Protein backbone atom coordinates (compact mmCIF):
# COMPACT_ATOMS: atom_id res chain seq x y z
CA MET A 1 115.93 69.88 73.09
CA ARG A 2 112.78 68.14 74.32
CA PRO A 3 109.80 67.09 71.75
CA SER A 4 106.19 68.26 72.34
CA SER A 5 103.62 66.33 74.08
CA THR A 6 101.47 63.68 72.71
CA ALA A 7 98.67 61.43 73.59
CA LEU A 8 98.93 59.40 76.86
CA GLY A 9 101.55 56.80 76.58
CA GLY A 10 103.44 59.16 74.58
CA LYS A 11 106.09 61.93 76.03
CA VAL A 12 104.71 63.99 78.04
CA VAL A 13 103.96 67.99 77.80
CA ARG A 14 106.55 69.66 80.27
CA ALA A 15 104.60 72.06 83.01
CA ALA A 16 106.97 74.42 83.83
CA ALA A 17 108.19 75.45 80.42
CA VAL A 18 104.37 75.58 79.17
CA LEU A 19 103.97 77.76 82.02
CA SER A 20 106.79 80.05 81.19
CA ILE A 21 105.64 80.27 77.70
CA LEU A 22 101.87 80.79 78.16
CA THR A 23 100.78 82.34 81.36
CA GLY A 24 102.91 86.08 80.59
CA LEU A 25 101.86 86.59 84.32
CA VAL A 26 104.60 88.77 85.67
CA ALA A 27 105.28 91.28 82.78
CA VAL A 28 108.90 92.55 83.70
CA THR A 29 111.44 95.11 82.20
CA SER A 30 114.83 96.12 82.74
CA CYS A 31 115.14 98.19 85.68
CA ALA A 32 118.81 99.26 87.67
CA ASP A 33 121.59 97.03 87.82
CA GLY A 34 120.00 93.85 86.59
CA ALA A 35 116.78 94.66 88.55
CA THR A 36 113.53 93.63 87.19
CA SER A 37 110.32 96.09 87.61
CA PRO A 38 106.99 95.26 85.73
CA ARG A 39 106.03 96.77 82.61
CA PRO A 40 102.84 99.19 82.78
CA ARG A 41 99.71 97.69 81.01
CA GLU A 42 96.03 99.39 80.34
CA SER A 43 94.32 99.28 83.52
CA ALA A 44 90.86 97.72 84.09
CA HIS A 45 90.50 101.27 85.92
CA GLY A 46 90.73 103.54 83.38
CA THR A 47 94.20 104.34 83.97
CA THR A 48 97.45 104.41 82.13
CA HIS A 49 100.87 104.33 83.51
CA GLN A 50 101.42 108.11 82.14
CA GLY A 51 98.23 108.83 84.21
CA THR A 52 98.29 107.34 87.16
CA ASP A 53 99.88 110.08 89.13
CA ALA A 54 97.32 113.05 89.35
CA GLY A 55 99.47 115.04 91.75
CA GLU A 56 101.68 117.82 90.60
CA GLY A 57 104.87 118.64 91.31
CA ILE A 58 106.95 116.45 93.84
CA PRO A 59 105.58 114.67 96.80
CA PRO A 60 107.01 116.26 100.39
CA VAL A 61 108.56 114.14 102.63
CA ALA A 62 108.97 114.61 106.38
CA GLY A 63 112.59 113.64 106.62
CA ILE A 64 114.92 111.28 104.95
CA PRO A 65 116.23 108.74 107.34
CA VAL A 66 119.71 106.73 106.79
CA ILE A 67 118.69 103.40 105.47
CA LEU A 68 122.08 100.72 104.64
CA GLY A 69 120.10 98.04 103.66
CA VAL A 70 116.41 96.79 102.27
CA LYS A 71 115.78 93.67 104.20
CA SER A 72 113.32 94.98 106.34
CA LEU A 73 111.94 97.85 103.67
CA VAL A 74 108.48 97.45 102.60
CA LEU A 75 106.80 99.97 100.23
CA PRO A 76 103.02 101.03 100.53
CA ILE A 77 101.63 98.76 97.27
CA GLU A 78 103.60 95.59 98.44
CA PRO A 79 100.69 94.43 100.32
CA TYR A 80 98.44 94.60 96.73
CA LEU A 81 101.17 92.73 94.78
CA VAL A 82 101.41 89.12 94.68
CA THR A 83 104.16 87.60 96.03
CA ASP A 84 106.28 84.54 94.66
CA ARG A 85 104.91 82.16 97.29
CA GLN A 86 101.33 83.24 96.64
CA MET A 87 101.75 82.97 92.82
CA SER A 88 103.51 79.46 92.63
CA ALA A 89 100.79 78.23 95.05
CA ILE A 90 98.09 79.28 92.79
CA LEU A 91 100.16 77.88 89.78
CA ARG A 92 100.42 74.72 91.35
CA ALA A 93 96.79 74.67 92.03
CA ARG A 94 95.98 75.27 88.69
CA GLN A 95 98.32 72.64 87.46
CA GLU A 96 96.00 70.21 89.77
CA LEU A 97 92.95 71.37 88.03
CA VAL A 98 94.17 71.17 84.31
CA ALA A 99 95.61 67.63 84.69
CA PRO A 100 92.31 65.84 84.44
CA CYS A 101 90.91 68.02 82.28
CA MET A 102 93.74 67.30 79.86
CA ARG A 103 93.63 63.29 80.42
CA ARG A 104 89.58 63.88 79.58
CA PHE A 105 91.12 64.56 76.16
CA GLY A 106 93.93 62.09 76.25
CA PHE A 107 96.88 64.32 77.08
CA ALA A 108 99.08 63.58 79.95
CA TRP A 109 99.51 66.97 81.76
CA PRO A 110 101.05 68.17 83.85
CA ASP A 111 104.45 66.18 84.07
CA ARG A 112 105.14 65.07 87.48
CA ASP A 113 108.48 64.74 87.49
CA PRO A 114 110.19 66.65 89.98
CA GLY A 115 111.95 68.55 87.21
CA THR A 116 109.23 70.05 85.67
CA GLY A 117 109.25 73.00 88.38
CA THR A 118 106.01 72.03 89.98
CA GLY A 119 107.42 71.80 93.53
CA THR A 120 107.51 74.50 96.17
CA GLY A 121 109.97 76.42 94.76
CA ASP A 122 108.00 77.26 91.50
CA SER A 123 108.44 80.90 91.10
CA GLY A 124 105.72 81.47 88.65
CA GLY A 125 107.85 83.31 86.00
CA MET A 126 109.24 85.50 88.49
CA PRO A 127 112.75 86.26 88.06
CA PRO A 128 115.46 84.86 90.21
CA GLY A 129 115.58 87.01 93.38
CA MET A 130 112.15 88.30 93.04
CA LYS A 131 109.72 87.99 96.14
CA ASN A 132 106.87 90.37 94.45
CA ALA A 133 106.90 92.49 91.72
CA ALA A 134 108.22 95.38 93.75
CA ASN A 135 111.65 93.42 93.81
CA MET A 136 113.01 94.88 97.07
CA ASP A 137 115.87 93.02 96.66
CA ARG A 138 117.69 94.45 93.43
CA ARG A 139 114.70 97.64 93.10
CA TYR A 140 117.48 100.22 93.94
CA GLY A 141 120.51 97.97 92.29
CA ILE A 142 122.63 95.90 94.72
CA THR A 143 122.75 96.92 98.09
CA ASP A 144 124.53 93.85 99.98
CA PRO A 145 128.00 94.02 100.87
CA ALA A 146 128.59 90.42 101.45
CA LEU A 147 126.55 89.26 98.37
CA ALA A 148 128.25 92.40 96.23
CA ALA A 149 131.80 90.71 97.65
CA ARG A 150 130.90 87.15 96.73
CA LEU A 151 128.51 87.34 93.49
CA GLY A 152 129.07 90.82 92.17
CA TYR A 153 125.84 91.81 90.03
CA HIS A 154 124.85 88.01 89.69
CA PHE A 155 121.79 86.60 91.11
CA ALA A 156 122.74 83.98 93.52
CA PRO A 157 122.34 80.06 92.02
CA ASP A 158 118.74 79.38 91.82
CA ALA A 159 117.31 76.02 91.09
CA ARG A 160 114.02 76.98 89.99
CA GLN A 161 115.86 79.17 87.49
CA ARG A 162 118.09 76.12 86.18
CA THR A 163 114.54 73.87 86.08
CA THR A 164 113.33 76.38 83.87
CA GLU A 165 115.96 76.67 81.25
CA GLU A 166 116.67 73.05 81.44
CA SER A 167 112.84 72.58 80.28
CA SER A 168 112.58 75.66 78.27
CA ALA A 169 112.60 74.04 74.90
CA ALA A 170 109.64 71.49 75.65
CA ARG A 171 106.75 72.68 73.60
CA PRO A 172 102.92 71.54 73.25
CA ASP A 173 101.90 70.09 69.93
CA ALA A 174 98.96 71.94 68.12
CA ASP A 175 96.35 69.52 69.38
CA ALA A 176 97.73 69.83 73.11
CA LEU A 177 97.75 73.37 72.96
CA ALA A 178 94.48 73.76 71.42
CA VAL A 179 93.04 71.93 74.29
CA LEU A 180 95.21 73.84 77.00
CA THR A 181 94.70 77.32 75.93
CA GLY A 182 91.79 77.25 73.57
CA ARG A 183 93.87 78.81 70.95
CA ALA A 184 95.96 77.72 67.70
CA ALA A 185 99.95 78.44 68.19
CA ASP A 186 99.32 81.79 65.95
CA GLY A 187 96.81 82.75 68.77
CA THR A 188 93.50 82.32 66.76
CA PRO A 189 90.54 80.74 67.91
CA ALA A 190 91.20 76.70 68.23
CA PRO A 191 88.15 74.34 66.94
CA GLY A 192 85.56 74.32 70.07
CA ARG A 193 86.02 70.21 69.81
CA HIS A 194 88.61 67.61 70.21
CA HIS A 195 87.74 64.26 68.84
CA GLY A 196 84.16 64.93 69.78
CA LEU A 197 84.53 66.57 73.04
CA ALA A 198 83.99 70.02 73.63
CA VAL A 199 86.95 72.10 74.61
CA PRO A 200 85.84 74.37 77.72
CA GLU A 201 86.31 77.98 77.05
CA GLY A 202 89.83 79.23 77.16
CA GLY A 203 90.77 75.78 76.99
CA CYS A 204 91.68 73.59 80.39
CA GLN A 205 93.85 76.34 81.45
CA GLY A 206 91.36 78.93 81.33
CA GLN A 207 89.27 76.92 82.69
CA ALA A 208 91.39 76.44 85.63
CA THR A 209 91.90 79.72 85.58
CA ALA A 210 88.54 80.82 86.24
CA ARG A 211 87.88 78.30 89.15
CA LEU A 212 90.53 80.16 90.98
CA THR A 213 89.97 83.70 90.29
CA GLY A 214 86.34 83.94 89.56
CA GLY A 215 87.00 85.18 86.27
CA LEU A 216 89.56 87.70 87.06
CA PRO A 217 93.08 87.96 85.37
CA LEU A 218 95.65 85.50 87.05
CA GLY A 219 98.63 88.23 87.48
CA ASN A 220 98.58 91.93 89.65
CA ASP A 221 95.74 93.93 89.24
CA PRO A 222 97.00 96.70 86.80
CA LEU A 223 96.21 99.43 89.02
CA ALA A 224 98.83 97.99 91.54
CA SER A 225 101.34 97.37 89.02
CA GLU A 226 101.17 100.66 87.39
CA ILE A 227 101.45 102.67 90.85
CA ASN A 228 104.58 100.57 91.53
CA ILE A 229 106.16 101.13 88.12
CA VAL A 230 105.23 104.63 88.08
CA SER A 231 106.60 105.36 91.24
CA TYR A 232 109.95 103.73 90.37
CA GLN A 233 110.14 105.90 87.35
CA LYS A 234 109.06 109.12 88.69
CA SER A 235 111.22 108.46 92.11
CA ARG A 236 114.38 108.05 89.89
CA ALA A 237 113.92 111.12 88.08
CA ASP A 238 113.11 113.14 91.14
CA PRO A 239 115.44 116.07 91.83
CA ARG A 240 116.16 114.61 95.39
CA VAL A 241 117.21 111.35 94.36
CA ARG A 242 118.97 112.61 91.44
CA ALA A 243 120.96 114.93 93.96
CA VAL A 244 122.31 111.61 95.70
CA PHE A 245 122.84 110.01 92.35
CA ARG A 246 125.27 112.72 92.10
CA ALA A 247 126.75 112.22 95.16
CA TRP A 248 127.32 108.59 94.89
CA SER A 249 128.81 108.97 91.29
CA ALA A 250 131.58 111.44 92.91
CA CYS A 251 132.14 108.62 95.62
CA MET A 252 132.32 106.26 92.94
CA ARG A 253 135.26 108.75 91.13
CA LYS A 254 137.16 108.39 94.28
CA ARG A 255 137.34 104.81 93.86
CA GLY A 256 138.56 104.94 90.21
CA TYR A 257 134.96 104.30 88.50
CA SER A 258 133.31 106.83 86.40
CA TYR A 259 129.30 106.11 86.36
CA ALA A 260 127.26 108.91 86.25
CA ALA A 261 124.29 106.81 88.40
CA PRO A 262 123.84 103.67 90.38
CA THR A 263 121.16 102.85 87.35
CA ASP A 264 123.85 103.12 84.65
CA ALA A 265 126.15 100.93 83.11
CA PRO A 266 127.50 98.83 86.24
CA GLY A 267 124.94 95.64 86.31
CA LYS A 268 124.69 95.45 82.49
CA ASP A 269 128.49 95.90 81.29
CA PRO A 270 129.15 93.03 78.86
CA ARG A 271 132.18 92.22 80.92
CA PHE A 272 130.18 91.44 84.07
CA THR A 273 127.38 89.22 82.42
CA GLY A 274 129.19 85.83 81.95
CA PRO A 275 128.03 82.73 83.57
CA THR A 276 130.26 83.35 86.93
CA PRO A 277 131.64 87.08 88.48
CA THR A 278 134.60 88.03 87.96
CA ARG A 279 137.10 89.73 90.49
CA GLN A 280 136.85 92.87 88.64
CA GLU A 281 133.20 92.77 88.92
CA THR A 282 133.12 92.00 92.60
CA ALA A 283 135.31 94.81 93.14
CA LEU A 284 133.08 97.28 91.18
CA ALA A 285 130.19 95.99 93.04
CA GLU A 286 131.74 96.44 96.55
CA ALA A 287 132.43 99.85 95.72
CA ASP A 288 128.77 100.35 94.50
CA VAL A 289 127.47 99.39 97.55
CA ALA A 290 129.76 101.25 99.71
CA CYS A 291 128.89 104.05 97.98
CA LYS A 292 125.25 103.98 97.96
CA ARG A 293 125.81 103.14 102.06
CA GLN A 294 127.99 106.63 102.44
CA THR A 295 125.67 108.73 100.72
CA ASN A 296 122.25 107.16 101.80
CA VAL A 297 120.82 106.44 98.29
CA ILE A 298 118.93 103.87 99.86
CA GLY A 299 117.00 106.28 102.40
CA VAL A 300 116.57 108.97 100.10
CA TRP A 301 115.13 106.71 97.21
CA PHE A 302 112.82 104.51 99.15
CA THR A 303 111.41 107.58 101.17
CA VAL A 304 110.77 109.22 97.55
CA ASP A 305 109.48 106.26 96.20
CA THR A 306 107.32 105.66 99.20
CA ALA A 307 106.01 109.50 98.60
CA TYR A 308 104.83 109.10 95.10
CA GLN A 309 103.35 105.65 96.11
CA ARG A 310 101.10 107.22 98.94
CA ARG A 311 100.13 110.07 96.89
CA MET A 312 98.96 107.98 93.89
CA MET A 313 97.34 105.30 96.40
CA ALA A 314 95.49 108.09 98.40
CA SER A 315 92.89 108.49 96.07
CA LYS A 316 92.62 104.81 95.16
CA GLY A 317 91.23 103.23 97.92
CA PRO A 318 88.46 101.23 96.76
CA GLU A 319 90.03 99.88 93.49
CA LEU A 320 93.19 98.63 95.74
CA ALA A 321 90.99 97.23 98.29
CA HIS A 322 89.62 95.23 95.54
CA ALA A 323 92.88 93.91 94.46
CA LYS A 324 93.68 92.92 97.85
CA GLU A 325 90.64 90.85 98.04
CA ALA A 326 91.31 89.12 94.55
CA ILE A 327 94.62 88.02 95.92
CA ARG A 328 92.78 86.76 99.31
CA THR A 329 90.73 85.02 96.74
CA ARG A 330 92.91 83.48 94.48
CA THR A 331 94.96 82.20 97.43
CA ALA A 332 92.05 81.00 99.47
CA ASN A 333 90.90 78.78 96.16
CA ALA A 334 94.43 77.48 95.50
CA GLU A 335 94.73 76.25 98.90
CA ARG A 336 91.58 74.58 98.80
CA VAL A 337 92.54 73.21 95.66
CA LEU A 338 96.16 71.92 97.10
CA ASN A 339 93.97 70.33 100.09
CA GLY A 340 92.12 68.11 97.71
CA ASP A 341 89.34 70.02 96.60
CA ARG A 342 89.09 69.30 92.81
């Protein structure tokens, strides 16, 4: 376990680890087959995850296509969610702004060591496999036959995840934390001055965030996040999706497996959570994907998921336009910083 940071000339605060414990940018909770999806939050637009969808009954669909994979699928809400690449650029730009601020107070931040996760592969706290908070690669569980045969329910090896794990022990000391965030370790406001110098509101990190966002939160817009998660929850419970789950379950029984739905045990079974996939796991995963393809789980679920999103988005045009503009602003500001505009 690495020790915490000290003043210049001492040991350095590791950037990736502190980002992972302090930003809280992408709140996630368990979804299907090891998938992840954002946790609903109170929205700035006055909605909650229980009330985002004001529609009644199940939304109609014009037809359900046969869909065997997810690579080309895009949900309606995705343009309003920050992507992995965008978040990576935003966080790297914030580090560029934080560094000189921290140096003014005598702290080396961030560490330029390649092992800190500050390169282009930095995921910004997103779990491996996620390109954005909609998590299409795993939103409907595992769906790729080749990956199922090779990896089972495991994610592909991810260097950025290993980097985060290796550096996760790093913690800023009390003084560095106060200057970085403007708060003490217990969350209470820290003193407004450090060695006679005034600490910016929100610390160096808060100041850098405000520069990039214009004072808005750094992560996804709460309304967009809510639509994303509520559509997943409602589509998963929709009778059309439940029916295709039953068909999938019957297909699995013919192959010797007893699971009520693809959102059940397969990816969470303790037998299949070791460091590497077992042959037993890959056999189950292959059956899972084969039955999804045979019964059109992806086609049904994606179509219904899309219908719920469209209904929720229909009355939220101005708010969602604001969310998209906020993403453009953050990414444009980040690009300017990364191009040398400090």
